[in-house]
């Protein structure tokens, strides 16, 4: 089972895929890493941790945002586990950060979240907690913004090379692309992708998106 934002590609062609694998009425979280030519892959069992979003950092390491499940499959809301974990290209765990107890929300905040990267940082949009956070490549928190965006309205995000954050939302039958005003700590509407659109990412400082019925 692979959902949106559980797929990432590095600049040099490595592919990472995260999700859940099921068998005999049981499930387990996994991280798969595929080499550029596709000739080999490594699959790492991450259970009880389940990655919900992944991205490649500019140094080649893989960042994941996820949750730990208890025996009933529920999020361990009161447990003090790291929600973000970093892996190298062999799937070896390099460490974790950002405790689950940091969020007071009742639902699993990593669900529906998105990780993005720029040359010097990682961005993490957490709609369930109405927050956007940034971390340096060594895991230090750079910034933390409160952004009131209901999760179902998000249609993609992008963090450009100049660290401009863009968020596409869909309201009242129209897709709008917003940018983060870091001074105000709020999103500002910039332009529309009429009537529908999805923001896929940023190539250096150029946005890549679809509008209408799939035109890029």
N, C-alpha and C. Protein backbone atom coordinates (compact mmCIF):
# COMPACT_ATOMS: atom_id res chain seq x y z
N UNK A 1 0.86 -1.18 0.00
CA UNK A 1 0.00 0.00 0.00
C UNK A 1 0.90 1.24 0.00
N UNK A 2 0.82 2.01 -1.08
CA UNK A 2 1.65 3.21 -1.22
C UNK A 2 0.74 4.39 -1.48
N UNK A 3 0.77 5.39 -0.62
CA UNK A 3 -0.09 6.56 -0.76
C UNK A 3 0.72 7.75 -1.30
N UNK A 4 0.03 8.86 -1.55
CA UNK A 4 0.71 10.08 -2.00
C UNK A 4 1.81 10.47 -1.02
N UNK A 5 2.88 11.03 -1.56
CA UNK A 5 4.01 11.56 -0.79
C UNK A 5 4.87 10.46 -0.16
N UNK A 6 4.67 9.18 -0.59
CA UNK A 6 5.52 8.10 -0.11
C UNK A 6 6.48 7.64 -1.21
N UNK A 7 6.80 8.56 -2.10
CA UNK A 7 7.70 8.26 -3.22
C UNK A 7 8.62 9.45 -3.40
N UNK A 8 9.90 9.19 -3.61
CA UNK A 8 10.86 10.29 -3.79
C UNK A 8 11.97 9.84 -4.73
N UNK A 9 12.55 10.82 -5.42
CA UNK A 9 13.66 10.55 -6.33
C UNK A 9 14.78 11.53 -6.04
N UNK A 10 16.01 11.01 -5.94
CA UNK A 10 17.16 11.87 -5.71
C UNK A 10 17.63 12.49 -7.02
N UNK A 11 18.47 13.50 -6.93
CA UNK A 11 18.98 14.15 -8.14
C UNK A 11 19.81 13.21 -9.00
N UNK A 12 20.44 12.22 -8.39
CA UNK A 12 21.26 11.29 -9.16
C UNK A 12 20.53 9.98 -9.47
N UNK A 13 19.21 9.96 -9.31
CA UNK A 13 18.42 8.86 -9.83
C UNK A 13 18.00 7.76 -8.88
N UNK A 14 18.38 7.83 -7.61
CA UNK A 14 17.89 6.84 -6.65
C UNK A 14 16.40 7.08 -6.40
N UNK A 15 15.66 6.00 -6.16
CA UNK A 15 14.24 6.10 -5.89
C UNK A 15 13.96 5.46 -4.52
N UNK A 16 13.16 6.13 -3.72
CA UNK A 16 12.74 5.60 -2.42
C UNK A 16 11.22 5.52 -2.40
N UNK A 17 10.71 4.40 -1.91
CA UNK A 17 9.27 4.17 -1.80
C UNK A 17 8.99 3.65 -0.40
N UNK A 18 7.96 4.19 0.24
CA UNK A 18 7.60 3.77 1.59
C UNK A 18 6.13 3.41 1.63
N UNK A 19 5.75 2.58 2.60
CA UNK A 19 4.35 2.22 2.74
C UNK A 19 4.16 1.06 3.69
N UNK A 20 3.08 0.32 3.45
CA UNK A 20 2.74 -0.84 4.26
C UNK A 20 2.66 -2.08 3.37
N UNK A 21 3.15 -3.20 3.87
CA UNK A 21 3.04 -4.48 3.18
C UNK A 21 2.17 -5.41 4.03
N UNK A 22 1.27 -6.14 3.39
CA UNK A 22 0.32 -6.98 4.11
C UNK A 22 0.45 -8.44 3.72
N UNK A 23 0.19 -9.31 4.69
CA UNK A 23 0.17 -10.75 4.46
C UNK A 23 -0.34 -11.46 5.69
N UNK A 24 -1.18 -12.47 5.49
CA UNK A 24 -1.74 -13.24 6.61
C UNK A 24 -2.42 -12.34 7.64
N UNK A 25 -3.16 -11.35 7.11
CA UNK A 25 -3.93 -10.42 7.96
C UNK A 25 -3.05 -9.57 8.86
N UNK A 26 -1.78 -9.43 8.50
CA UNK A 26 -0.88 -8.57 9.26
C UNK A 26 -0.20 -7.60 8.32
N UNK A 27 0.19 -6.44 8.86
CA UNK A 27 0.86 -5.43 8.05
C UNK A 27 2.13 -4.95 8.71
N UNK A 28 3.05 -4.44 7.91
CA UNK A 28 4.31 -3.92 8.44
C UNK A 28 4.79 -2.77 7.56
N UNK A 29 5.35 -1.75 8.18
CA UNK A 29 5.90 -0.64 7.44
C UNK A 29 7.20 -1.02 6.75
N UNK A 30 7.47 -0.41 5.59
CA UNK A 30 8.70 -0.73 4.87
C UNK A 30 9.24 0.52 4.16
N UNK A 31 10.51 0.46 3.83
CA UNK A 31 11.18 1.44 3.00
C UNK A 31 11.95 0.69 1.93
N UNK A 32 11.68 0.99 0.66
CA UNK A 32 12.38 0.36 -0.46
C UNK A 32 13.26 1.39 -1.15
N UNK A 33 14.48 1.01 -1.46
CA UNK A 33 15.44 1.90 -2.12
C UNK A 33 15.90 1.23 -3.41
N UNK A 34 15.69 1.91 -4.53
CA UNK A 34 16.01 1.35 -5.84
C UNK A 34 17.16 2.14 -6.45
N UNK A 35 18.18 1.45 -6.94
CA UNK A 35 19.33 2.12 -7.54
C UNK A 35 18.95 2.72 -8.90
N UNK A 36 19.73 3.70 -9.38
CA UNK A 36 19.36 4.45 -10.59
C UNK A 36 19.02 3.61 -11.81
N UNK A 37 19.77 2.53 -12.06
CA UNK A 37 19.50 1.71 -13.23
C UNK A 37 18.40 0.68 -13.00
N UNK A 38 17.90 0.60 -11.78
CA UNK A 38 16.84 -0.33 -11.48
C UNK A 38 17.27 -1.77 -11.39
N UNK A 39 18.55 -2.02 -11.37
CA UNK A 39 19.05 -3.40 -11.38
C UNK A 39 19.03 -4.04 -10.00
N UNK A 40 18.95 -3.24 -8.95
CA UNK A 40 18.91 -3.80 -7.60
C UNK A 40 18.09 -2.90 -6.70
N UNK A 41 17.57 -3.52 -5.66
CA UNK A 41 16.79 -2.75 -4.69
C UNK A 41 16.99 -3.35 -3.31
N UNK A 42 16.79 -2.53 -2.31
CA UNK A 42 16.90 -2.97 -0.92
C UNK A 42 15.61 -2.60 -0.22
N UNK A 43 15.02 -3.55 0.49
CA UNK A 43 13.78 -3.32 1.22
C UNK A 43 14.05 -3.49 2.70
N UNK A 44 13.68 -2.46 3.47
CA UNK A 44 13.94 -2.44 4.90
C UNK A 44 12.60 -2.45 5.63
N UNK A 45 12.44 -3.35 6.56
CA UNK A 45 11.25 -3.41 7.40
C UNK A 45 11.40 -2.35 8.49
N UNK A 46 10.46 -1.45 8.60
CA UNK A 46 10.55 -0.35 9.57
C UNK A 46 9.59 -0.52 10.74
N UNK A 47 8.74 -1.53 10.71
CA UNK A 47 7.75 -1.79 11.75
C UNK A 47 8.40 -1.80 13.14
N UNK A 48 7.78 -1.18 14.18
CA UNK A 48 6.43 -0.63 14.21
C UNK A 48 6.30 0.78 13.62
N UNK A 49 7.38 1.32 13.11
CA UNK A 49 7.33 2.65 12.50
C UNK A 49 6.82 2.53 11.07
N UNK A 50 5.85 3.39 10.71
CA UNK A 50 5.27 3.39 9.37
C UNK A 50 5.52 4.75 8.73
N UNK A 51 6.33 4.84 7.68
CA UNK A 51 6.59 6.13 7.02
C UNK A 51 5.36 6.59 6.24
N UNK A 52 5.00 7.85 6.43
CA UNK A 52 3.88 8.43 5.69
C UNK A 52 4.33 9.45 4.65
N UNK A 53 5.54 9.94 4.76
CA UNK A 53 6.08 10.89 3.79
C UNK A 53 7.58 10.71 3.75
N UNK A 54 8.17 10.85 2.57
CA UNK A 54 9.62 10.71 2.45
C UNK A 54 10.15 11.72 1.44
N UNK A 55 11.43 12.04 1.59
CA UNK A 55 12.12 12.87 0.61
C UNK A 55 13.61 12.60 0.72
N UNK A 56 14.34 12.93 -0.33
CA UNK A 56 15.80 12.88 -0.31
C UNK A 56 16.34 14.24 0.09
N UNK A 57 17.25 14.26 1.04
CA UNK A 57 17.98 15.49 1.35
C UNK A 57 19.07 15.69 0.31
N UNK A 58 19.61 16.89 0.25
CA UNK A 58 20.63 17.19 -0.76
C UNK A 58 21.91 16.40 -0.53
N UNK A 59 22.12 15.88 0.70
CA UNK A 59 23.31 15.06 0.96
C UNK A 59 23.10 13.59 0.60
N UNK A 60 21.91 13.26 0.06
CA UNK A 60 21.63 11.89 -0.38
C UNK A 60 20.91 11.03 0.63
N UNK A 61 20.81 11.49 1.88
CA UNK A 61 20.10 10.70 2.89
C UNK A 61 18.59 10.83 2.69
N UNK A 62 17.86 9.85 3.21
CA UNK A 62 16.41 9.80 3.08
C UNK A 62 15.78 10.21 4.40
N UNK A 63 14.83 11.15 4.32
CA UNK A 63 14.07 11.57 5.49
C UNK A 63 12.67 11.00 5.39
N UNK A 64 12.15 10.51 6.52
CA UNK A 64 10.80 9.99 6.57
C UNK A 64 10.05 10.61 7.74
N UNK A 65 8.76 10.86 7.56
CA UNK A 65 7.89 11.30 8.64
C UNK A 65 6.82 10.25 8.81
N UNK A 66 6.64 9.75 10.04
CA UNK A 66 5.70 8.66 10.21
C UNK A 66 5.20 8.52 11.63
N UNK A 67 4.65 7.35 11.90
CA UNK A 67 4.05 7.06 13.20
C UNK A 67 4.45 5.66 13.63
N UNK A 68 4.33 5.41 14.93
CA UNK A 68 4.49 4.06 15.45
C UNK A 68 3.12 3.53 15.82
N UNK A 69 2.88 2.26 15.53
CA UNK A 69 1.60 1.63 15.83
C UNK A 69 1.72 0.75 17.07
N UNK A 70 0.63 0.70 17.85
CA UNK A 70 0.58 -0.26 18.94
C UNK A 70 -0.05 -1.56 18.42
N UNK A 71 -0.35 -2.48 19.31
CA UNK A 71 -0.84 -3.78 18.89
C UNK A 71 -2.21 -3.71 18.22
N UNK A 72 -2.94 -2.62 18.45
CA UNK A 72 -4.26 -2.46 17.83
C UNK A 72 -4.18 -1.70 16.51
N UNK A 73 -2.98 -1.22 16.15
CA UNK A 73 -2.83 -0.44 14.93
C UNK A 73 -3.06 1.03 15.13
N UNK A 74 -3.25 1.46 16.38
CA UNK A 74 -3.48 2.88 16.67
C UNK A 74 -2.17 3.61 16.90
N UNK A 75 -2.19 4.91 16.62
CA UNK A 75 -1.00 5.73 16.83
C UNK A 75 -0.67 5.79 18.32
N UNK A 76 0.58 5.63 18.64
CA UNK A 76 1.01 5.72 20.04
C UNK A 76 1.12 7.18 20.45
N UNK A 77 -0.04 7.82 20.64
CA UNK A 77 -0.09 9.25 20.85
C UNK A 77 0.73 9.68 22.07
N UNK A 78 0.69 8.91 23.14
CA UNK A 78 1.35 9.31 24.37
C UNK A 78 2.78 8.80 24.45
N UNK A 79 3.19 8.00 23.48
CA UNK A 79 4.55 7.47 23.49
C UNK A 79 5.53 8.53 23.00
N UNK A 80 6.73 8.47 23.54
CA UNK A 80 7.74 9.46 23.18
C UNK A 80 8.68 8.85 22.14
N UNK A 81 8.20 8.76 20.90
CA UNK A 81 9.02 8.23 19.82
C UNK A 81 9.31 9.32 18.80
N UNK A 82 10.43 9.24 18.07
CA UNK A 82 10.74 10.25 17.05
C UNK A 82 9.88 10.07 15.81
N UNK A 83 9.18 11.12 15.39
CA UNK A 83 8.31 11.05 14.23
C UNK A 83 9.10 11.11 12.93
N UNK A 84 10.21 11.85 12.93
CA UNK A 84 11.05 11.95 11.74
C UNK A 84 12.28 11.07 11.92
N UNK A 85 12.59 10.28 10.89
CA UNK A 85 13.76 9.40 10.94
C UNK A 85 14.54 9.52 9.65
N UNK A 86 15.85 9.39 9.79
CA UNK A 86 16.73 9.53 8.63
C UNK A 86 17.43 8.21 8.33
N UNK A 87 17.52 7.89 7.04
CA UNK A 87 18.14 6.65 6.59
C UNK A 87 19.19 6.96 5.53
N UNK A 88 20.22 6.12 5.45
CA UNK A 88 21.15 6.26 4.34
C UNK A 88 20.64 5.44 3.16
N UNK A 89 21.39 5.41 2.06
CA UNK A 89 20.90 4.76 0.85
C UNK A 89 20.91 3.24 0.93
N UNK A 90 21.48 2.71 1.99
CA UNK A 90 21.41 1.27 2.23
C UNK A 90 20.27 0.92 3.17
N UNK A 91 19.49 1.94 3.57
CA UNK A 91 18.38 1.71 4.48
C UNK A 91 18.77 1.69 5.93
N UNK A 92 20.03 2.01 6.24
CA UNK A 92 20.47 2.01 7.64
C UNK A 92 19.93 3.24 8.35
N UNK A 93 19.32 3.04 9.53
CA UNK A 93 18.77 4.14 10.30
C UNK A 93 19.89 4.99 10.87
N UNK A 94 19.84 6.30 10.57
CA UNK A 94 20.87 7.22 11.03
C UNK A 94 20.47 7.96 12.29
N UNK A 95 19.19 7.95 12.62
CA UNK A 95 18.73 8.65 13.82
C UNK A 95 17.34 9.21 13.62
N UNK A 96 16.77 9.70 14.71
CA UNK A 96 15.44 10.28 14.66
C UNK A 96 15.36 11.59 15.41
N UNK A 97 14.29 12.30 15.16
CA UNK A 97 14.08 13.59 15.84
C UNK A 97 12.60 13.93 15.85
N UNK A 98 12.25 14.89 16.63
CA UNK A 98 10.91 15.46 16.77
C UNK A 98 9.95 14.46 17.42
N UNK A 99 9.81 14.57 18.73
CA UNK A 99 9.01 13.65 19.51
C UNK A 99 7.52 13.74 19.18
N UNK A 100 6.84 12.61 19.24
CA UNK A 100 5.39 12.56 19.02
C UNK A 100 4.66 13.43 20.03
N UNK A 101 5.17 13.53 21.26
CA UNK A 101 4.49 14.30 22.29
C UNK A 101 4.52 15.81 22.02
N UNK A 102 5.27 16.23 21.00
CA UNK A 102 5.28 17.64 20.63
C UNK A 102 3.92 18.07 20.09
N UNK A 103 3.18 17.14 19.49
CA UNK A 103 1.87 17.43 18.93
C UNK A 103 0.79 17.01 19.92
N UNK A 104 -0.19 17.88 20.13
CA UNK A 104 -1.30 17.56 21.03
C UNK A 104 -2.52 17.03 20.28
N UNK A 105 -2.48 17.07 18.95
CA UNK A 105 -3.62 16.62 18.17
C UNK A 105 -3.93 15.14 18.44
N UNK A 106 -5.21 14.78 18.42
CA UNK A 106 -5.62 13.42 18.73
C UNK A 106 -5.30 12.45 17.61
N UNK A 107 -5.37 12.90 16.38
CA UNK A 107 -5.11 12.01 15.26
C UNK A 107 -3.61 11.91 15.00
N UNK A 108 -3.22 10.91 14.23
CA UNK A 108 -1.80 10.76 13.90
C UNK A 108 -1.38 11.91 12.99
N UNK A 109 -0.57 12.85 13.46
CA UNK A 109 -0.25 14.04 12.67
C UNK A 109 0.56 13.76 11.41
N UNK A 110 1.30 12.66 11.38
CA UNK A 110 2.12 12.38 10.19
C UNK A 110 1.27 11.99 9.00
N UNK A 111 0.07 11.49 9.23
CA UNK A 111 -0.81 11.11 8.13
C UNK A 111 -1.19 12.36 7.32
N UNK A 112 -0.99 12.31 6.01
CA UNK A 112 -1.30 13.46 5.18
C UNK A 112 -0.23 14.53 5.18
N UNK A 113 0.87 14.32 5.90
CA UNK A 113 1.94 15.31 5.91
C UNK A 113 2.81 15.13 4.67
N UNK A 114 3.64 16.16 4.39
CA UNK A 114 4.48 16.15 3.19
C UNK A 114 5.88 16.64 3.57
N UNK A 115 6.90 15.93 3.09
CA UNK A 115 8.28 16.36 3.25
C UNK A 115 8.81 16.89 1.92
N UNK A 116 9.53 17.99 1.96
CA UNK A 116 10.18 18.56 0.78
C UNK A 116 11.59 18.96 1.17
N UNK A 117 12.45 19.19 0.16
CA UNK A 117 13.84 19.52 0.46
C UNK A 117 14.35 20.61 -0.47
N UNK A 118 15.34 21.34 0.03
CA UNK A 118 16.10 22.32 -0.75
C UNK A 118 17.58 22.03 -0.47
N UNK A 119 18.50 22.75 -1.07
CA UNK A 119 19.91 22.43 -0.86
C UNK A 119 20.37 22.45 0.59
N UNK A 120 19.74 23.26 1.45
CA UNK A 120 20.25 23.38 2.81
C UNK A 120 19.25 23.03 3.90
N UNK A 121 18.06 22.49 3.53
CA UNK A 121 17.08 22.21 4.57
C UNK A 121 16.01 21.22 4.11
N UNK A 122 15.25 20.76 5.10
CA UNK A 122 14.09 19.90 4.87
C UNK A 122 12.86 20.64 5.40
N UNK A 123 11.80 20.66 4.60
CA UNK A 123 10.55 21.25 5.04
C UNK A 123 9.52 20.17 5.30
N UNK A 124 8.68 20.36 6.32
CA UNK A 124 7.66 19.37 6.69
C UNK A 124 6.34 20.09 6.94
N UNK A 125 5.38 19.88 6.04
CA UNK A 125 4.05 20.45 6.19
C UNK A 125 3.16 19.42 6.89
N UNK A 126 2.55 19.81 8.01
CA UNK A 126 1.75 18.91 8.83
C UNK A 126 0.33 19.47 8.94
N UNK A 127 -0.54 19.18 7.96
CA UNK A 127 -1.89 19.76 7.97
C UNK A 127 -2.69 19.41 9.21
N UNK A 128 -2.54 18.18 9.73
CA UNK A 128 -3.32 17.76 10.89
C UNK A 128 -3.02 18.62 12.11
N UNK A 129 -1.82 19.17 12.18
CA UNK A 129 -1.43 20.03 13.30
C UNK A 129 -1.36 21.50 12.90
N UNK A 130 -1.69 21.80 11.62
CA UNK A 130 -1.67 23.18 11.10
C UNK A 130 -0.30 23.82 11.30
N UNK A 131 0.75 23.08 10.92
CA UNK A 131 2.11 23.60 11.12
C UNK A 131 2.99 23.29 9.92
N UNK A 132 3.98 24.16 9.73
CA UNK A 132 5.05 23.92 8.76
C UNK A 132 6.37 24.13 9.48
N UNK A 133 7.25 23.11 9.43
CA UNK A 133 8.52 23.17 10.13
C UNK A 133 9.66 22.97 9.14
N UNK A 134 10.82 23.51 9.48
CA UNK A 134 12.02 23.31 8.68
C UNK A 134 13.17 22.88 9.56
N UNK A 135 14.01 22.00 9.00
CA UNK A 135 15.16 21.47 9.72
C UNK A 135 16.41 21.59 8.86
N UNK A 136 17.54 21.80 9.51
CA UNK A 136 18.81 21.75 8.79
C UNK A 136 19.12 20.29 8.49
N UNK A 137 20.12 20.05 7.65
CA UNK A 137 20.44 18.68 7.26
C UNK A 137 20.95 17.84 8.43
N UNK A 138 21.42 18.49 9.49
CA UNK A 138 21.87 17.74 10.67
C UNK A 138 20.76 17.54 11.69
N UNK A 139 19.54 18.01 11.37
CA UNK A 139 18.39 17.76 12.23
C UNK A 139 17.99 18.89 13.15
N UNK A 140 18.70 20.01 13.13
CA UNK A 140 18.35 21.14 13.99
C UNK A 140 17.13 21.87 13.42
N UNK A 141 16.19 22.23 14.28
CA UNK A 141 15.01 22.93 13.81
C UNK A 141 15.36 24.38 13.47
N UNK A 142 14.97 24.79 12.26
CA UNK A 142 15.24 26.15 11.78
C UNK A 142 14.05 27.06 12.02
N UNK A 143 12.84 26.58 11.71
CA UNK A 143 11.66 27.42 11.83
C UNK A 143 10.43 26.58 12.09
N UNK A 144 9.38 27.23 12.59
CA UNK A 144 8.13 26.55 12.92
C UNK A 144 7.01 27.56 12.76
N UNK A 145 6.09 27.32 11.78
CA UNK A 145 5.01 28.25 11.49
C UNK A 145 3.66 27.58 11.74
N UNK A 146 2.70 28.37 12.22
CA UNK A 146 1.32 27.92 12.34
C UNK A 146 0.56 28.35 11.09
N UNK A 147 0.07 27.38 10.33
CA UNK A 147 -0.64 27.66 9.08
C UNK A 147 -1.99 26.95 9.12
N UNK A 148 -3.05 27.70 8.99
CA UNK A 148 -4.39 27.14 9.09
C UNK A 148 -4.87 26.67 7.72
N UNK A 149 -4.50 25.43 7.36
CA UNK A 149 -4.91 24.86 6.08
C UNK A 149 -5.55 23.50 6.35
N UNK A 150 -6.86 23.35 6.10
CA UNK A 150 -7.48 22.03 6.24
C UNK A 150 -6.84 21.04 5.28
N UNK A 151 -6.55 19.85 5.77
CA UNK A 151 -5.80 18.86 4.99
C UNK A 151 -6.42 18.54 3.63
N UNK A 152 -7.75 18.32 3.51
CA UNK A 152 -8.29 17.91 2.20
C UNK A 152 -8.10 18.95 1.10
N UNK A 153 -7.78 20.20 1.47
CA UNK A 153 -7.67 21.25 0.47
C UNK A 153 -6.29 21.33 -0.18
N UNK A 154 -5.30 20.63 0.34
CA UNK A 154 -3.94 20.74 -0.16
C UNK A 154 -3.80 19.98 -1.47
N UNK A 155 -3.21 20.64 -2.47
CA UNK A 155 -3.00 20.03 -3.79
C UNK A 155 -1.52 20.10 -4.17
N UNK A 156 -0.64 19.85 -3.21
CA UNK A 156 0.79 19.80 -3.49
C UNK A 156 1.55 20.96 -2.88
N UNK A 157 2.84 20.74 -2.57
CA UNK A 157 3.69 21.80 -2.06
C UNK A 157 5.05 21.70 -2.74
N UNK A 158 5.81 22.80 -2.68
CA UNK A 158 7.14 22.84 -3.29
C UNK A 158 8.03 23.76 -2.47
N UNK A 159 9.28 23.35 -2.28
CA UNK A 159 10.29 24.18 -1.63
C UNK A 159 11.40 24.40 -2.63
N UNK A 160 11.55 25.63 -3.10
CA UNK A 160 12.50 25.92 -4.17
C UNK A 160 13.92 26.09 -3.64
N UNK A 161 14.85 26.22 -4.57
CA UNK A 161 16.25 26.32 -4.21
C UNK A 161 16.53 27.55 -3.36
N UNK A 162 15.76 28.64 -3.56
CA UNK A 162 15.92 29.85 -2.76
C UNK A 162 15.11 29.80 -1.48
N UNK A 163 14.57 28.61 -1.15
CA UNK A 163 13.80 28.34 0.06
C UNK A 163 12.45 29.05 0.11
N UNK A 164 11.92 29.42 -1.05
CA UNK A 164 10.54 29.89 -1.11
C UNK A 164 9.61 28.69 -1.05
N UNK A 165 8.65 28.73 -0.13
CA UNK A 165 7.70 27.64 0.01
C UNK A 165 6.41 28.00 -0.72
N UNK A 166 5.91 27.04 -1.52
CA UNK A 166 4.67 27.21 -2.25
C UNK A 166 3.71 26.09 -1.85
N UNK A 167 2.44 26.44 -1.66
CA UNK A 167 1.42 25.47 -1.28
C UNK A 167 0.21 25.68 -2.17
N UNK A 168 -0.24 24.62 -2.84
CA UNK A 168 -1.42 24.68 -3.69
C UNK A 168 -2.63 24.17 -2.91
N UNK A 169 -3.71 24.94 -2.90
CA UNK A 169 -4.94 24.56 -2.21
C UNK A 169 -6.11 24.59 -3.20
N UNK A 170 -7.17 23.92 -2.83
CA UNK A 170 -8.36 23.89 -3.69
C UNK A 170 -9.58 24.30 -2.87
N UNK A 171 -10.21 25.40 -3.27
CA UNK A 171 -11.38 25.91 -2.56
C UNK A 171 -12.40 26.43 -3.55
N UNK A 172 -13.65 26.13 -3.28
CA UNK A 172 -14.77 26.66 -4.08
C UNK A 172 -14.56 26.42 -5.57
N UNK A 173 -14.08 25.23 -5.93
CA UNK A 173 -13.93 24.88 -7.33
C UNK A 173 -12.75 25.50 -8.02
N UNK A 174 -11.78 26.04 -7.26
CA UNK A 174 -10.63 26.68 -7.87
C UNK A 174 -9.36 26.33 -7.11
N UNK A 175 -8.30 26.00 -7.87
CA UNK A 175 -7.00 25.72 -7.26
C UNK A 175 -6.16 26.99 -7.20
N UNK A 176 -5.65 27.29 -6.02
CA UNK A 176 -4.87 28.50 -5.80
C UNK A 176 -3.47 28.14 -5.31
N UNK A 177 -2.46 28.80 -5.87
CA UNK A 177 -1.08 28.61 -5.42
C UNK A 177 -0.72 29.75 -4.48
N UNK A 178 -0.26 29.39 -3.29
CA UNK A 178 0.09 30.35 -2.25
C UNK A 178 1.58 30.25 -1.93
N UNK A 179 2.16 31.34 -1.48
CA UNK A 179 3.55 31.32 -1.02
C UNK A 179 3.60 31.71 0.45
N UNK A 180 4.60 31.20 1.14
CA UNK A 180 4.76 31.50 2.55
C UNK A 180 5.45 32.85 2.72
N UNK A 181 4.77 33.78 3.39
CA UNK A 181 5.38 35.05 3.79
C UNK A 181 6.04 34.80 5.14
N UNK A 182 7.34 34.66 5.14
CA UNK A 182 8.04 34.31 6.36
C UNK A 182 7.99 35.43 7.40
N UNK A 183 7.88 36.67 6.94
CA UNK A 183 7.77 37.78 7.89
C UNK A 183 6.46 37.76 8.65
N UNK A 184 5.38 37.50 7.93
CA UNK A 184 4.05 37.45 8.55
C UNK A 184 3.74 36.08 9.15
N UNK A 185 4.46 35.06 8.69
CA UNK A 185 4.16 33.71 9.14
C UNK A 185 2.83 33.22 8.64
N UNK A 186 2.50 33.57 7.39
CA UNK A 186 1.20 33.20 6.82
C UNK A 186 1.35 32.97 5.33
N UNK A 187 0.36 32.28 4.74
CA UNK A 187 0.35 32.04 3.31
C UNK A 187 -0.35 33.18 2.59
N UNK A 188 0.21 33.56 1.44
CA UNK A 188 -0.36 34.63 0.61
C UNK A 188 -0.74 34.07 -0.75
N UNK A 189 -1.97 34.34 -1.20
CA UNK A 189 -2.41 33.86 -2.50
C UNK A 189 -1.61 34.56 -3.60
N UNK A 190 -1.14 33.75 -4.59
CA UNK A 190 -0.32 34.32 -5.65
C UNK A 190 -0.96 34.18 -7.02
N UNK A 191 -1.40 32.99 -7.41
CA UNK A 191 -2.05 32.82 -8.70
C UNK A 191 -2.89 31.56 -8.69
N UNK A 192 -3.78 31.43 -9.70
CA UNK A 192 -4.72 30.33 -9.75
C UNK A 192 -4.34 29.33 -10.84
N UNK A 193 -4.63 28.06 -10.60
CA UNK A 193 -4.53 27.00 -11.60
C UNK A 193 -5.96 26.63 -11.97
N UNK A 194 -6.58 27.40 -12.86
CA UNK A 194 -8.01 27.25 -13.13
C UNK A 194 -8.27 26.08 -14.05
N UNK A 195 -9.41 25.38 -13.82
CA UNK A 195 -10.17 25.37 -12.57
C UNK A 195 -9.60 24.39 -11.57
N UNK A 196 -8.78 23.44 -12.08
CA UNK A 196 -8.15 22.45 -11.20
C UNK A 196 -6.65 22.44 -11.46
N UNK A 197 -5.90 22.04 -10.47
CA UNK A 197 -4.46 21.96 -10.67
C UNK A 197 -3.79 21.27 -9.51
N UNK A 198 -2.55 20.81 -9.75
CA UNK A 198 -1.77 20.16 -8.71
C UNK A 198 -0.33 20.62 -8.82
N UNK A 199 0.25 21.01 -7.69
CA UNK A 199 1.63 21.48 -7.63
C UNK A 199 2.53 20.29 -7.33
N UNK A 200 3.49 20.01 -8.23
CA UNK A 200 4.32 18.81 -8.10
C UNK A 200 5.67 19.08 -7.45
N UNK A 201 6.21 20.26 -7.59
CA UNK A 201 7.51 20.51 -7.01
C UNK A 201 8.17 21.71 -7.63
N UNK A 202 9.49 21.79 -7.43
CA UNK A 202 10.24 22.94 -7.89
C UNK A 202 11.55 22.45 -8.52
N UNK A 203 11.83 22.93 -9.73
CA UNK A 203 13.10 22.68 -10.39
C UNK A 203 13.94 23.93 -10.24
N UNK A 204 14.90 23.88 -9.34
CA UNK A 204 15.63 25.08 -8.91
C UNK A 204 14.64 26.10 -8.37
N UNK A 205 14.33 27.16 -9.12
CA UNK A 205 13.36 28.14 -8.65
C UNK A 205 12.16 28.25 -9.58
N UNK A 206 11.92 27.19 -10.37
CA UNK A 206 10.79 27.17 -11.28
C UNK A 206 9.77 26.14 -10.81
N UNK A 207 8.52 26.56 -10.66
CA UNK A 207 7.48 25.65 -10.20
C UNK A 207 7.05 24.70 -11.32
N UNK A 208 6.71 23.48 -10.94
CA UNK A 208 6.17 22.51 -11.88
C UNK A 208 4.79 22.13 -11.38
N UNK A 209 3.76 22.33 -12.24
CA UNK A 209 2.39 22.07 -11.83
C UNK A 209 1.57 21.68 -13.05
N UNK A 210 0.41 21.10 -12.79
CA UNK A 210 -0.56 20.86 -13.84
C UNK A 210 -1.74 21.79 -13.64
N UNK A 211 -2.39 22.15 -14.73
CA UNK A 211 -3.59 22.97 -14.68
C UNK A 211 -4.66 22.33 -15.55
N UNK A 212 -5.90 22.71 -15.33
CA UNK A 212 -7.02 22.15 -16.07
C UNK A 212 -7.00 20.63 -15.98
N UNK A 213 -6.87 19.93 -17.10
CA UNK A 213 -7.00 18.48 -17.07
C UNK A 213 -5.67 17.78 -17.35
N UNK A 214 -4.58 18.33 -16.86
CA UNK A 214 -3.34 17.60 -16.91
C UNK A 214 -2.22 18.29 -17.69
N UNK A 215 -2.46 19.44 -18.29
CA UNK A 215 -1.39 20.12 -19.01
C UNK A 215 -0.33 20.63 -18.05
N UNK A 216 0.93 20.32 -18.34
CA UNK A 216 2.02 20.77 -17.46
C UNK A 216 2.49 22.16 -17.89
